[in-house]
Amino acid sequence: MARGTTKAIPSLIAQRLICPECGRPVEVNDGSGIRCPEGHARAVHDGYLDCSRPTGYGGSTARTLESFGFEWNNFDDVRDEDAAFADVYFRDVDLAGLEGKVGLDAGCGKGRYTRFLAPHLSALAALDGSSAV
C-alpha cells in the first residue's frame, strides 16, 4: 500500500494475508491493521501494514536490515535515472501480461521499482525488512 495514498488494505492483498506468527487467516480492521483468530495483530503505521519484529533478528540479518534501512532512509530521493534502470530491470517482463494480476515486491527498499511495476497490476504488496518502509 502506498504511503499516504491508500487508507485500506486492498482486498486482493488482504485475502492472501496470513498471520506471521501462527499462519492462520487474518481479518482486516477498517484500515487499522489485521488480526487473526488467535488474537495476533499488526497495525498500520504511516500507511503501511507493519509486520516487522526487529527484536526477532540477530547477527548478520539484523546488520543487513540496519544497513539497508540506513541507505534507503538517507538516499531516498527518486532520481530521473530510476526510470531508465526500471526499463532495463523489467526488459524481459511482459508488463501487459500482468494486467489483472497481484504482485509482490519482496525486499522493496524505498520502492524504486515498486512505483514502476504497480500501474501494471491490480494490486501490489511491497515488503521490506528494513526501516525504509
Protein backbone atom coordinates (compact mmCIF):
# COMPACT_ATOMS: atom_id res chain seq x y z
CA MET A 1 0.00 0.00 0.00
CA ALA A 2 1.38 3.37 -0.92
CA ARG A 3 2.36 5.67 1.90
CA GLY A 4 -0.21 8.41 2.39
CA THR A 5 -2.39 7.46 -0.58
CA THR A 6 -4.19 4.28 0.44
CA LYS A 7 -6.03 4.05 3.74
CA ALA A 8 -7.27 0.46 3.45
CA ILE A 9 -5.54 -2.78 2.57
CA PRO A 10 -6.76 -3.71 -0.94
CA SER A 11 -8.99 -6.79 -0.86
CA LEU A 12 -6.81 -8.55 -3.46
CA ILE A 13 -3.93 -8.31 -0.97
CA ALA A 14 -5.95 -8.86 2.22
CA GLN A 15 -7.38 -12.19 1.06
CA ARG A 16 -3.84 -13.53 0.61
CA LEU A 17 -2.51 -12.49 4.03
CA ILE A 18 -1.87 -14.90 6.87
CA CYS A 19 -0.71 -14.27 10.40
CA PRO A 20 3.10 -14.06 10.52
CA GLU A 21 3.07 -15.76 13.94
CA CYS A 22 0.68 -18.70 13.55
CA GLY A 23 -0.11 -18.89 9.82
CA ARG A 24 -3.89 -18.58 10.25
CA PRO A 25 -6.03 -16.33 8.04
CA VAL A 26 -6.42 -12.72 9.16
CA GLU A 27 -9.21 -10.19 9.11
CA VAL A 28 -8.66 -6.56 8.17
CA ASN A 29 -9.70 -3.98 10.79
CA ASP A 30 -11.04 -0.91 8.92
CA GLY A 31 -7.61 0.37 7.87
CA SER A 32 -6.13 0.00 11.36
CA GLY A 33 -4.42 -3.32 10.68
CA ILE A 34 -5.01 -7.06 10.76
CA ARG A 35 -5.92 -9.64 13.43
CA CYS A 36 -6.03 -13.45 13.37
CA PRO A 37 -8.40 -15.73 15.36
CA GLU A 38 -5.58 -16.31 17.90
CA GLY A 39 -5.50 -12.56 18.64
CA HIS A 40 -2.17 -11.79 16.97
CA ALA A 41 -2.42 -8.30 15.50
CA ARG A 42 -0.40 -5.99 13.29
CA ALA A 43 -1.14 -2.28 12.96
CA VAL A 44 -0.97 0.13 10.06
CA HIS A 45 1.68 2.85 10.61
CA ASP A 46 2.20 5.74 8.19
CA GLY A 47 0.13 3.96 5.53
CA TYR A 48 1.99 0.65 5.85
CA LEU A 49 0.98 -2.64 7.42
CA ASP A 50 3.77 -3.14 9.96
CA CYS A 51 4.70 -6.82 10.22
CA SER A 52 8.22 -6.13 11.41
CA ARG A 53 9.58 -7.55 14.58
CA PRO A 54 13.12 -6.10 14.70
CA THR A 55 13.99 -7.76 18.01
CA GLY A 56 13.48 -11.18 16.41
CA TYR A 57 16.50 -10.77 14.17
CA GLY A 58 20.08 -11.21 15.21
CA GLY A 59 23.58 -11.33 13.83
CA SER A 60 24.14 -10.70 10.15
CA THR A 61 20.40 -10.44 9.38
CA ALA A 62 19.98 -7.55 11.83
CA ARG A 63 23.11 -5.83 10.49
CA THR A 64 21.93 -6.25 6.89
CA LEU A 65 18.48 -4.82 7.65
CA GLU A 66 20.03 -1.89 9.55
CA SER A 67 22.44 -1.19 6.69
CA PHE A 68 19.76 -1.21 4.00
CA GLY A 69 17.43 0.81 6.23
CA PHE A 70 20.14 3.44 6.65
CA GLU A 71 20.80 3.51 2.91
CA TRP A 72 17.17 3.85 1.83
CA ASN A 73 16.32 6.41 4.53
CA ASN A 74 19.31 8.62 3.73
CA PHE A 75 19.31 8.26 -0.05
CA ASP A 76 15.58 8.04 -0.64
CA ASP A 77 15.17 10.63 -3.36
CA VAL A 78 13.61 9.48 -6.60
CA ARG A 79 16.02 10.12 -9.44
CA ASP A 80 15.41 10.63 -13.13
CA GLU A 81 17.64 7.68 -13.95
CA ASP A 82 15.40 5.34 -11.89
CA ALA A 83 13.06 5.09 -14.92
CA ALA A 84 15.96 4.01 -17.13
CA PHE A 85 17.06 1.43 -14.55
CA ALA A 86 13.47 0.11 -14.36
CA ASP A 87 13.37 -0.24 -18.15
CA VAL A 88 16.46 -2.44 -18.01
CA TYR A 89 15.31 -4.33 -14.91
CA PHE A 90 11.89 -5.20 -16.42
CA ARG A 91 13.10 -5.59 -20.02
CA ASP A 92 12.21 -9.31 -20.17
CA VAL A 93 8.91 -8.98 -18.28
CA ASP A 94 5.66 -8.94 -20.27
CA LEU A 95 4.18 -5.96 -18.41
CA ALA A 96 0.93 -6.09 -20.43
CA GLY A 97 0.53 -9.70 -19.30
CA LEU A 98 0.43 -8.56 -15.66
CA GLU A 99 -2.94 -6.86 -16.07
CA GLY A 100 -5.43 -8.24 -13.54
CA LYS A 101 -2.67 -9.93 -11.50
CA VAL A 102 -1.46 -9.44 -7.93
CA GLY A 103 2.26 -8.89 -7.38
CA LEU A 104 4.82 -8.99 -4.59
CA ASP A 105 7.90 -6.78 -4.43
CA ALA A 106 9.86 -8.57 -1.69
CA GLY A 107 12.80 -6.52 -0.44
CA CYS A 108 11.37 -3.35 -1.98
CA GLY A 109 13.66 -0.92 -0.13
CA LYS A 110 12.49 2.60 -0.93
CA GLY A 111 10.13 1.25 -3.60
CA ARG A 112 12.25 2.27 -6.58
CA TYR A 113 10.84 -0.49 -8.79
CA THR A 114 7.51 -0.76 -6.97
CA ARG A 115 6.32 2.53 -8.43
CA PHE A 116 7.10 1.38 -11.98
CA LEU A 117 5.51 -2.05 -11.57
CA ALA A 118 2.35 -1.07 -9.66
CA PRO A 119 0.50 0.55 -12.61
CA HIS A 120 0.61 -2.77 -14.48
CA LEU A 121 -1.02 -4.84 -11.69
CA SER A 122 -4.41 -4.91 -9.99
CA ALA A 123 -2.69 -4.91 -6.58
CA LEU A 124 0.90 -4.98 -5.35
CA ALA A 125 2.31 -5.78 -1.90
CA ALA A 126 5.72 -4.20 -1.32
CA LEU A 127 7.65 -5.65 1.62
CA ASP A 128 10.98 -4.82 3.18
CA GLY A 129 12.56 -5.93 6.44
CA SER A 130 14.41 -2.68 6.98
CA SER A 131 13.22 0.61 8.43
CA ALA A 132 12.95 2.03 4.89
CA VAL A 133 9.22 1.33 4.70
